[in-house]
Protein backbone atom coordinates (compact mmCIF):
# COMPACT_ATOMS: atom_id res chain seq x y z
CA MET A 1 86.14 35.38 30.67
CA GLU A 2 83.99 35.48 27.54
CA ASP A 3 83.37 38.61 25.58
CA ASP A 4 80.24 40.55 26.50
CA ILE A 5 78.55 42.84 23.96
CA ILE A 6 77.63 46.08 25.60
CA CYS A 7 75.84 47.53 22.50
CA THR A 8 75.62 47.08 18.85
CA GLU A 9 74.86 49.05 15.74
CA LYS A 10 74.06 47.74 12.12
CA ILE A 11 74.55 49.61 8.97
CA ILE A 12 73.20 48.25 5.53
CA ALA A 13 74.79 49.54 2.38
CA GLU A 14 74.03 48.04 -0.92
CA ARG A 15 75.46 44.41 -0.76
CA LYS A 16 77.32 44.90 2.47
CA THR A 17 76.34 44.84 6.07
CA PHE A 18 78.44 46.40 8.79
CA PHE A 19 78.09 45.51 12.52
CA LEU A 20 79.66 47.66 15.17
CA ASP A 21 79.91 46.06 18.56
CA LEU A 22 81.08 47.53 21.68
CA LYS A 23 82.44 44.62 23.64
CA GLN A 24 84.19 44.07 26.98
CA ASN A 25 86.45 41.25 27.97
CA ALA A 26 89.20 40.55 30.51
CA ARG A 27 91.60 42.91 28.71
CA GLY A 28 89.14 45.84 28.44
CA LYS A 29 86.70 47.40 26.03
CA VAL A 30 86.93 47.20 22.12
CA VAL A 31 84.85 48.19 19.20
CA ARG A 32 84.69 45.27 16.79
CA ILE A 33 83.74 46.31 13.39
CA THR A 34 82.53 43.43 11.03
CA GLU A 35 81.95 43.78 7.33
CA LYS A 36 79.77 41.01 5.86
CA VAL A 37 79.44 40.55 2.08
CA SER A 38 77.50 37.38 1.08
CA SER A 39 79.08 34.66 3.44
CA ASN A 40 82.50 36.44 3.83
CA ARG A 41 83.17 38.40 7.01
CA ASP A 42 86.14 40.69 7.78
CA ARG A 43 86.73 42.14 11.26
CA ILE A 44 88.95 44.76 12.84
CA MET A 45 89.17 45.58 16.57
CA VAL A 46 89.49 49.15 17.73
CA PRO A 47 90.61 49.59 21.38
CA ALA A 48 88.20 51.84 23.18
CA GLU A 49 91.21 54.00 24.28
CA ILE A 50 91.86 55.18 20.74
CA LEU A 51 88.19 55.36 19.60
CA ASP A 52 88.32 59.21 19.70
CA ASP A 53 91.35 59.14 17.38
CA PHE A 54 89.64 56.65 15.00
CA ILE A 55 86.46 58.75 14.83
CA SER A 56 88.58 61.96 14.24
CA ALA A 57 90.34 60.32 11.32
CA LEU A 58 87.09 59.19 9.80
CA GLN A 59 85.77 62.83 10.16
CA ASP A 60 88.82 64.10 8.44
CA ILE A 61 88.20 61.75 5.55
CA ARG A 62 84.49 62.72 5.33
CA GLU A 63 85.63 66.41 5.20
CA THR A 64 88.02 65.70 2.38
CA LEU A 65 85.22 64.00 0.50
CA LYS A 66 83.03 67.10 1.06
CA GLN A 67 85.69 69.35 -0.28
CA GLN A 68 86.04 67.19 -3.39
CA GLY A 69 82.28 67.35 -4.03
CA GLU A 70 81.52 63.84 -3.26
């Protein structure tokens, strides 16, 4: 079974472009995060089951940045 993209988001920040794709395959759902800089791409896969934990960790980091005045 080939991967099916359910939805995608794109974030452009200076020289980088990030793609966040919710995908489903035979093993389940994952969020694939791709960072594109020039012709280079790096990817990570976050299983949908831990997405809440991943988002919570990012929110904690954002809160730390706010406390430091960033």
